[in-house]
Every structure is written in C-alpha cells, then in structure tokens.
N, C-alpha and C. Protein backbone atom coordinates (compact mmCIF):
# COMPACT_ATOMS: atom_id res chain seq x y z
N MET A 1 -2.35 16.17 -5.60
CA MET A 1 -1.62 15.19 -4.69
C MET A 1 -0.28 15.83 -4.37
N ASN A 2 0.10 15.70 -3.17
CA ASN A 2 1.45 16.13 -2.72
C ASN A 2 2.54 15.38 -3.44
N GLU A 3 3.46 16.19 -3.99
CA GLU A 3 4.62 15.63 -4.84
C GLU A 3 5.29 14.51 -4.10
N LEU A 4 5.74 14.64 -2.88
CA LEU A 4 6.43 13.68 -2.12
C LEU A 4 5.52 12.36 -2.00
N TYR A 5 4.32 12.65 -1.79
CA TYR A 5 3.27 11.52 -1.64
C TYR A 5 3.33 10.80 -2.94
N ARG A 6 3.20 11.43 -4.11
CA ARG A 6 3.17 10.76 -5.41
C ARG A 6 4.45 10.06 -5.59
N GLU A 7 5.56 10.59 -5.27
CA GLU A 7 6.90 9.94 -5.49
C GLU A 7 6.98 8.57 -4.66
N ILE A 8 6.50 8.65 -3.36
CA ILE A 8 6.46 7.61 -2.57
C ILE A 8 5.61 6.41 -3.09
N THR A 9 4.34 6.78 -3.59
CA THR A 9 3.42 5.95 -4.20
C THR A 9 4.06 5.18 -5.42
N GLU A 10 4.69 6.02 -6.23
CA GLU A 10 5.37 5.48 -7.55
C GLU A 10 6.52 4.52 -7.09
N SER A 11 7.30 4.85 -6.07
CA SER A 11 8.32 3.93 -5.59
C SER A 11 7.77 2.67 -5.08
N GLY A 12 6.59 2.78 -4.37
CA GLY A 12 5.93 1.61 -3.77
C GLY A 12 5.43 0.60 -4.86
N ILE A 13 4.84 1.22 -5.92
CA ILE A 13 4.40 0.43 -7.05
C ILE A 13 5.43 -0.31 -7.62
N GLU A 14 6.61 0.26 -7.80
CA GLU A 14 7.75 -0.33 -8.43
C GLU A 14 8.54 -1.37 -7.54
N TYR A 15 8.66 -1.01 -6.25
CA TYR A 15 9.55 -1.76 -5.40
C TYR A 15 8.86 -2.86 -4.64
N ILE A 16 7.63 -2.75 -4.21
CA ILE A 16 6.97 -3.72 -3.36
C ILE A 16 7.00 -5.09 -3.92
N PRO A 17 6.72 -5.23 -5.22
CA PRO A 17 6.69 -6.71 -5.82
C PRO A 17 8.07 -7.41 -5.59
N ARG A 18 9.14 -6.58 -5.75
CA ARG A 18 10.57 -7.18 -5.63
C ARG A 18 10.71 -7.52 -4.11
N LEU A 19 10.23 -6.61 -3.23
CA LEU A 19 10.38 -6.90 -1.76
C LEU A 19 9.59 -8.13 -1.41
N ILE A 20 8.44 -8.34 -1.96
CA ILE A 20 7.67 -9.51 -1.76
C ILE A 20 8.37 -10.79 -2.25
N GLU A 21 8.95 -10.77 -3.46
CA GLU A 21 9.61 -11.96 -3.96
C GLU A 21 10.78 -12.26 -3.08
N GLY A 22 11.49 -11.23 -2.60
CA GLY A 22 12.72 -11.56 -1.70
C GLY A 22 12.24 -12.15 -0.34
N LEU A 23 11.13 -11.65 0.19
CA LEU A 23 10.67 -12.23 1.42
C LEU A 23 10.05 -13.62 1.21
N ARG A 24 9.53 -13.88 0.11
CA ARG A 24 8.98 -15.25 -0.13
C ARG A 24 10.18 -16.21 -0.23
N GLN A 25 11.30 -15.79 -0.89
CA GLN A 25 12.50 -16.60 -1.06
C GLN A 25 13.09 -16.90 0.41
N ALA A 26 13.14 -15.83 1.26
CA ALA A 26 13.66 -16.02 2.61
C ALA A 26 12.86 -17.06 3.44
N ALA A 27 11.51 -16.92 3.37
CA ALA A 27 10.64 -17.88 4.00
C ALA A 27 10.85 -19.17 3.48
N ALA A 28 10.94 -19.34 2.26
CA ALA A 28 11.20 -20.66 1.62
C ALA A 28 12.46 -21.38 2.09
N TYR A 29 13.49 -20.57 2.26
CA TYR A 29 14.83 -21.14 2.73
C TYR A 29 14.65 -21.49 4.30
N PHE A 30 13.92 -20.64 4.98
CA PHE A 30 13.72 -21.12 6.37
C PHE A 30 12.92 -22.35 6.53
N ARG A 31 11.89 -22.54 5.63
CA ARG A 31 11.04 -23.77 5.67
C ARG A 31 11.84 -25.02 5.32
N GLN A 32 12.78 -24.70 4.37
CA GLN A 32 13.65 -25.93 4.03
C GLN A 32 14.74 -26.23 5.06
N GLY A 33 14.86 -25.43 6.01
CA GLY A 33 15.85 -25.72 7.08
C GLY A 33 17.16 -24.99 6.75
N ASN A 34 17.22 -24.27 5.64
CA ASN A 34 18.47 -23.55 5.20
C ASN A 34 18.42 -22.21 5.83
N ASP A 35 18.77 -22.17 7.19
CA ASP A 35 18.69 -20.94 7.87
C ASP A 35 19.77 -19.89 7.44
N THR A 36 20.96 -20.40 7.10
CA THR A 36 21.93 -19.40 6.58
C THR A 36 21.48 -18.73 5.36
N ARG A 37 20.90 -19.33 4.38
CA ARG A 37 20.43 -18.64 3.21
C ARG A 37 19.21 -17.90 3.56
N GLY A 38 18.36 -18.34 4.47
CA GLY A 38 17.21 -17.58 4.84
C GLY A 38 17.58 -16.27 5.47
N ILE A 39 18.63 -16.32 6.41
CA ILE A 39 19.09 -15.16 7.05
C ILE A 39 19.53 -14.13 6.02
N GLU A 40 20.39 -14.71 5.17
CA GLU A 40 20.97 -13.85 4.09
C GLU A 40 19.95 -13.13 3.30
N ALA A 41 18.95 -13.90 2.76
CA ALA A 41 17.86 -13.35 1.93
C ALA A 41 16.96 -12.31 2.81
N PHE A 42 16.72 -12.67 4.03
CA PHE A 42 15.93 -11.80 4.96
C PHE A 42 16.67 -10.49 5.20
N SER A 43 17.98 -10.66 5.42
CA SER A 43 18.79 -9.48 5.65
C SER A 43 18.69 -8.45 4.52
N LYS A 44 18.82 -9.01 3.29
CA LYS A 44 18.64 -8.20 2.12
C LYS A 44 17.39 -7.44 2.14
N ALA A 45 16.35 -7.92 2.69
CA ALA A 45 15.07 -7.28 2.69
C ALA A 45 14.90 -6.23 3.76
N PHE A 46 15.84 -6.15 4.66
CA PHE A 46 15.68 -5.20 5.92
C PHE A 46 15.58 -3.78 5.36
N ASP A 47 16.34 -3.32 4.43
CA ASP A 47 16.25 -2.04 3.97
C ASP A 47 14.87 -1.76 3.41
N GLY A 48 14.32 -2.59 2.67
CA GLY A 48 12.93 -2.52 2.09
C GLY A 48 11.91 -2.46 3.24
N LEU A 49 12.08 -3.26 4.28
CA LEU A 49 11.17 -3.31 5.40
C LEU A 49 11.30 -1.89 6.15
N GLU A 50 12.44 -1.48 6.28
CA GLU A 50 12.63 -0.12 6.88
C GLU A 50 11.96 0.96 6.11
N TRP A 51 12.02 0.90 4.84
CA TRP A 51 11.36 1.84 3.92
C TRP A 51 9.89 1.83 4.13
N VAL A 52 9.37 0.61 4.16
CA VAL A 52 7.89 0.36 4.35
C VAL A 52 7.46 0.96 5.76
N ALA A 53 8.26 0.67 6.71
CA ALA A 53 7.97 1.16 8.05
C ALA A 53 7.95 2.70 8.14
N ALA A 54 8.86 3.37 7.40
CA ALA A 54 8.85 4.85 7.35
C ALA A 54 7.68 5.37 6.54
N VAL A 55 7.34 4.58 5.49
CA VAL A 55 6.16 5.05 4.58
C VAL A 55 4.97 5.00 5.49
N ILE A 56 4.71 3.91 6.21
CA ILE A 56 3.38 3.80 6.89
C ILE A 56 3.37 4.77 8.07
N GLU A 57 4.44 5.21 8.50
CA GLU A 57 4.49 6.14 9.61
C GLU A 57 4.40 7.64 9.01
N GLY A 58 5.00 7.89 7.89
CA GLY A 58 5.06 9.16 7.34
C GLY A 58 3.96 9.63 6.43
N LEU A 59 3.38 8.73 5.59
CA LEU A 59 2.35 9.04 4.62
C LEU A 59 0.99 9.81 5.24
N PRO A 60 0.63 9.20 6.42
CA PRO A 60 -0.57 9.99 6.90
C PRO A 60 -0.33 11.41 7.31
N LYS A 61 0.97 11.77 7.52
CA LYS A 61 1.39 13.10 7.88
C LYS A 61 1.37 14.03 6.63
N LEU A 62 1.56 13.39 5.43
CA LEU A 62 1.56 14.16 4.18
C LEU A 62 0.13 14.41 3.59
N GLN A 63 -0.75 13.40 3.79
CA GLN A 63 -2.05 13.50 3.20
C GLN A 63 -2.99 12.50 3.96
N PRO A 64 -4.20 12.73 4.14
CA PRO A 64 -5.11 11.84 4.65
C PRO A 64 -5.21 10.47 4.04
N VAL A 65 -5.22 9.32 4.76
CA VAL A 65 -5.15 8.06 4.20
C VAL A 65 -6.61 7.39 4.39
N SER A 66 -6.89 6.64 3.46
CA SER A 66 -8.29 6.05 3.46
C SER A 66 -8.36 5.02 4.66
N PRO A 67 -9.52 4.59 5.12
CA PRO A 67 -9.69 3.59 6.17
C PRO A 67 -8.87 2.38 5.72
N GLU A 68 -9.05 1.86 4.49
CA GLU A 68 -8.39 0.71 4.00
C GLU A 68 -6.87 0.77 4.13
N GLY A 69 -6.39 1.99 3.76
CA GLY A 69 -4.94 2.20 3.96
C GLY A 69 -4.49 2.18 5.30
N GLU A 70 -5.24 2.81 6.24
CA GLU A 70 -4.88 2.75 7.73
C GLU A 70 -4.98 1.33 8.15
N GLU A 71 -5.89 0.57 7.82
CA GLU A 71 -5.92 -0.91 8.23
C GLU A 71 -4.72 -1.60 7.79
N THR A 72 -4.30 -1.40 6.50
CA THR A 72 -3.13 -2.12 5.92
C THR A 72 -1.93 -1.59 6.69
N PHE A 73 -1.82 -0.38 6.96
CA PHE A 73 -0.63 0.12 7.82
C PHE A 73 -0.54 -0.46 9.05
N GLN A 74 -1.60 -0.54 9.72
CA GLN A 74 -1.71 -1.07 11.06
C GLN A 74 -1.27 -2.64 11.10
N ARG A 75 -1.73 -3.37 10.11
CA ARG A 75 -1.41 -4.73 9.99
C ARG A 75 0.07 -4.98 9.74
N ILE A 76 0.57 -4.12 8.88
CA ILE A 76 1.98 -4.21 8.59
C ILE A 76 2.84 -3.85 9.76
N SER A 77 2.52 -2.85 10.44
CA SER A 77 3.28 -2.44 11.65
C SER A 77 3.17 -3.49 12.72
N GLN A 78 2.03 -4.16 12.96
CA GLN A 78 1.99 -5.23 13.96
C GLN A 78 2.87 -6.41 13.53
N THR A 79 2.78 -6.70 12.29
CA THR A 79 3.69 -7.84 11.76
C THR A 79 5.06 -7.56 11.90
N LEU A 80 5.52 -6.26 11.51
CA LEU A 80 6.92 -6.05 11.71
C LEU A 80 7.36 -6.18 13.17
N SER A 81 6.59 -5.63 14.06
CA SER A 81 6.84 -5.81 15.46
C SER A 81 7.09 -7.32 15.96
N GLN A 82 6.17 -8.17 15.43
CA GLN A 82 6.30 -9.60 15.63
C GLN A 82 7.50 -10.21 14.98
N LEU A 83 7.77 -9.73 13.81
CA LEU A 83 8.98 -10.20 13.18
C LEU A 83 10.21 -9.87 13.93
N GLU A 84 10.19 -8.53 14.39
CA GLU A 84 11.42 -8.11 15.14
C GLU A 84 11.60 -8.97 16.43
N GLU A 85 10.60 -9.36 17.12
CA GLU A 85 10.66 -10.20 18.26
C GLU A 85 11.17 -11.62 17.86
N ALA A 86 10.61 -12.19 16.77
CA ALA A 86 11.01 -13.44 16.36
C ALA A 86 12.46 -13.47 15.96
N TRP A 87 12.96 -12.34 15.19
CA TRP A 87 14.34 -12.29 14.78
C TRP A 87 15.21 -12.26 16.03
N ALA A 88 14.87 -11.49 17.02
CA ALA A 88 15.75 -11.46 18.26
C ALA A 88 15.86 -12.85 18.93
N PHE A 89 14.86 -13.71 18.77
CA PHE A 89 15.00 -15.04 19.30
C PHE A 89 15.48 -15.96 18.25
N GLN A 90 15.83 -15.59 17.09
CA GLN A 90 16.21 -16.43 15.98
C GLN A 90 15.25 -17.59 15.82
N ASP A 91 13.86 -17.15 15.86
CA ASP A 91 12.88 -18.18 15.65
C ASP A 91 12.46 -18.17 14.23
N PHE A 92 13.21 -18.91 13.45
CA PHE A 92 13.01 -18.91 11.98
C PHE A 92 11.73 -19.53 11.51
N VAL A 93 11.16 -20.48 12.24
CA VAL A 93 9.80 -20.91 11.75
C VAL A 93 8.81 -19.86 11.91
N SER A 94 8.79 -19.13 13.05
CA SER A 94 7.91 -17.92 13.26
C SER A 94 8.17 -16.90 12.11
N ILE A 95 9.39 -16.68 11.79
CA ILE A 95 9.64 -15.69 10.80
C ILE A 95 9.16 -16.11 9.46
N ALA A 96 9.32 -17.38 9.16
CA ALA A 96 8.74 -17.80 7.91
C ALA A 96 7.23 -17.71 7.86
N ASP A 97 6.59 -18.10 8.99
CA ASP A 97 5.12 -18.10 9.03
C ASP A 97 4.71 -16.64 8.97
N LEU A 98 5.28 -15.73 9.72
CA LEU A 98 4.80 -14.33 9.69
C LEU A 98 5.03 -13.69 8.34
N THR A 99 6.16 -14.01 7.70
CA THR A 99 6.44 -13.45 6.43
C THR A 99 5.45 -13.95 5.35
N GLU A 100 5.39 -15.27 5.32
CA GLU A 100 4.54 -15.94 4.22
C GLU A 100 3.10 -15.66 4.41
N TYR A 101 2.58 -15.71 5.61
CA TYR A 101 1.10 -15.71 5.81
C TYR A 101 0.55 -14.36 6.30
N GLU A 102 1.45 -13.46 6.70
CA GLU A 102 0.93 -12.12 7.17
C GLU A 102 1.55 -11.00 6.42
N LEU A 103 2.82 -10.95 6.39
CA LEU A 103 3.54 -9.77 5.82
C LEU A 103 3.29 -9.70 4.32
N VAL A 104 3.49 -10.80 3.64
CA VAL A 104 3.36 -10.78 2.07
C VAL A 104 1.97 -10.32 1.80
N GLU A 105 0.95 -10.96 2.42
CA GLU A 105 -0.43 -10.46 2.20
C GLU A 105 -0.58 -8.92 2.41
N SER A 106 -0.11 -8.46 3.52
CA SER A 106 -0.16 -7.09 3.74
C SER A 106 0.48 -6.25 2.82
N LEU A 107 1.69 -6.62 2.45
CA LEU A 107 2.36 -5.84 1.38
C LEU A 107 1.70 -5.96 0.02
N GLU A 108 1.02 -6.96 -0.32
CA GLU A 108 0.22 -7.08 -1.47
C GLU A 108 -0.95 -6.08 -1.33
N SER A 109 -1.57 -5.93 -0.32
CA SER A 109 -2.63 -4.98 0.04
C SER A 109 -2.02 -3.56 -0.20
N LEU A 110 -0.94 -3.26 0.36
CA LEU A 110 -0.24 -1.96 0.31
C LEU A 110 -0.04 -1.65 -1.12
N HIS A 111 0.57 -2.56 -1.91
CA HIS A 111 0.77 -2.41 -3.36
C HIS A 111 -0.49 -2.07 -4.09
N ALA A 112 -1.58 -2.82 -3.80
CA ALA A 112 -2.83 -2.57 -4.41
C ALA A 112 -3.34 -1.17 -4.01
N TRP A 113 -3.18 -0.84 -2.86
CA TRP A 113 -3.66 0.51 -2.38
C TRP A 113 -2.88 1.64 -3.12
N PHE A 114 -1.47 1.45 -3.29
CA PHE A 114 -0.60 2.42 -4.01
C PHE A 114 -1.20 2.47 -5.43
N CYS A 115 -1.48 1.40 -6.02
CA CYS A 115 -1.88 1.37 -7.45
C CYS A 115 -3.31 2.11 -7.61
N GLN A 116 -4.19 1.83 -6.66
CA GLN A 116 -5.49 2.46 -6.74
C GLN A 116 -5.34 3.96 -6.63
N GLY A 117 -4.43 4.42 -5.70
CA GLY A 117 -4.22 5.83 -5.52
C GLY A 117 -3.65 6.42 -6.82
N ALA A 118 -2.64 5.75 -7.39
CA ALA A 118 -2.06 6.18 -8.54
C ALA A 118 -3.02 6.34 -9.70
N VAL A 119 -3.96 5.31 -9.88
CA VAL A 119 -4.92 5.25 -10.95
C VAL A 119 -5.83 6.42 -10.73
N GLY A 120 -6.36 6.56 -9.41
CA GLY A 120 -7.19 7.60 -9.05
C GLY A 120 -6.74 8.98 -9.38
N GLU A 121 -5.46 9.19 -9.22
CA GLU A 121 -4.80 10.48 -9.43
C GLU A 121 -4.69 10.68 -10.97
N VAL A 122 -4.35 9.69 -11.74
CA VAL A 122 -4.39 9.82 -13.21
C VAL A 122 -5.79 10.19 -13.74
N ALA A 123 -6.74 9.48 -13.17
CA ALA A 123 -8.16 9.74 -13.63
C ALA A 123 -8.67 11.13 -13.23
N HIS A 124 -8.10 11.67 -12.17
CA HIS A 124 -8.52 13.06 -11.84
C HIS A 124 -7.52 14.09 -12.31
N ALA A 125 -6.47 13.78 -13.05
CA ALA A 125 -5.60 14.79 -13.71
C ALA A 125 -6.30 15.43 -14.81
N LYS A 126 -5.93 16.71 -14.94
CA LYS A 126 -6.49 17.52 -16.04
C LYS A 126 -5.50 17.35 -17.27
N PRO A 127 -6.08 17.23 -18.36
CA PRO A 127 -5.28 17.11 -19.65
C PRO A 127 -4.49 18.36 -19.96
C-alpha cells in the first residue's frame, strides 16, 4: 500500500468519528432553532469537511478505489455540494437534514471503508 494512502486511511479512521459527532451536534442545534450555536458548531467542522473533500478527490490518484469506495466518495461529494448551496442561502433546516440524513451516513460508510482497507492491509502484511 502506498505510504501516503496508508497515512490518509489511518487519519480517517481516527478523525471521522469526531467529525461525525461535531456534525450531529451542529444538526441538533439547527433543529432546536439555535442557529448561532449551529453555525458555530458547523463552522468548526469545515476544516474536516475540506479534508474529506480533498481525500475523496485525491485517493483515487494514489491507488485504485473499490466500487464501494467510489460510490461513497460520489455520495459525499454530492452532499457537500448540496450543503454548500444550503449554506449560501442560510437554509439551516436543509443543512440539518443533509447533515443528519445523508452526510453522517456517508461519512460512516467512509469510515467503515477505511477500516476495511486497514484490516485488509494488516491481514496481507508479512510478519
């Protein structure tokens, strides 16, 4: 496995659960009508979302990606585009819906995909 690819995978395994938790919190604030705290929480997740966007664009250039990975990457990319549009219009209900019902699920799939890749690599490593 490419060294950079492995480092990205390890970072994803560690970071994505924290990103998901932050996004869930932001969605909860928006649902409660607390837009100020929702914006604050969502803004904190921007760096993580930028990292995810860079990963889904760059990983296929480093190493072939499974069809499941490609599907997950595509779902995340589409959801990020929809979130960007909702953010531009300050449509916090849509942001909460997209985050809670689409992005979190896709990030969980990405995390599982990273974990499967890491497990597969360990299983194929020579002692």
